[in-house]
Amino acid sequence: MEVFEKALIVGLYSVTPVHAGSGAELSVIDLPIQRKRHTGFPVIWGQSLKGVLRSYFRRIEPQSPSKTTVIFRQRAHKHAGAVSVGDARILLYPVRSLKSVFAYVTCPLVLERFIEDFKFMLKINKKKENEDGIDDIDKVRKFVKNLSSNKRI
């Protein structure tokens, strides 16, 4: 029996600054942000995202508290919820540019991780090809290649 039945990669695009705080910390930084421990890259932890989704679902489905409980079980319950939310990791980072207001940058490590996540999603969904017969992972590799071949800023 597999743990997951379906997987989905969701892209988040922020039009305003995001501050996913990591709580109190003894440091020179007043409000530290959530970061991956092994890379130091900014991240929004899955439990934070799941809490936001739970809150949103309660707002749009106020008459269905039992549905919310089944989908987003909390730690006090014996069984896990129906939804598992992973961390939101950075793919592209906006930086100032001399040619434009800003440009998006990334690195090979981040791109490889994105490809691995995409492969995992395909494996869970048992999806080999889409309707036009082109392998999805090839589309992702082409996307990543286009990102990495863009001119330097």
Foldseek 3Di string as FASTA:
>chain_A
DDPDQADDDDDDDDPDDDAAFPDDDPDPDDTDGDADPVPRFGKRAFVNVLVVVLVVCCVVCVVCPVLSCQQCPDPVDPDHHNDGGGMGGDAWDWDQDPVDRTDTDHDPVSLVVVLVVVVVRCVSNVPQADPVRDGPSVVSVVVVVVRVPDDDD
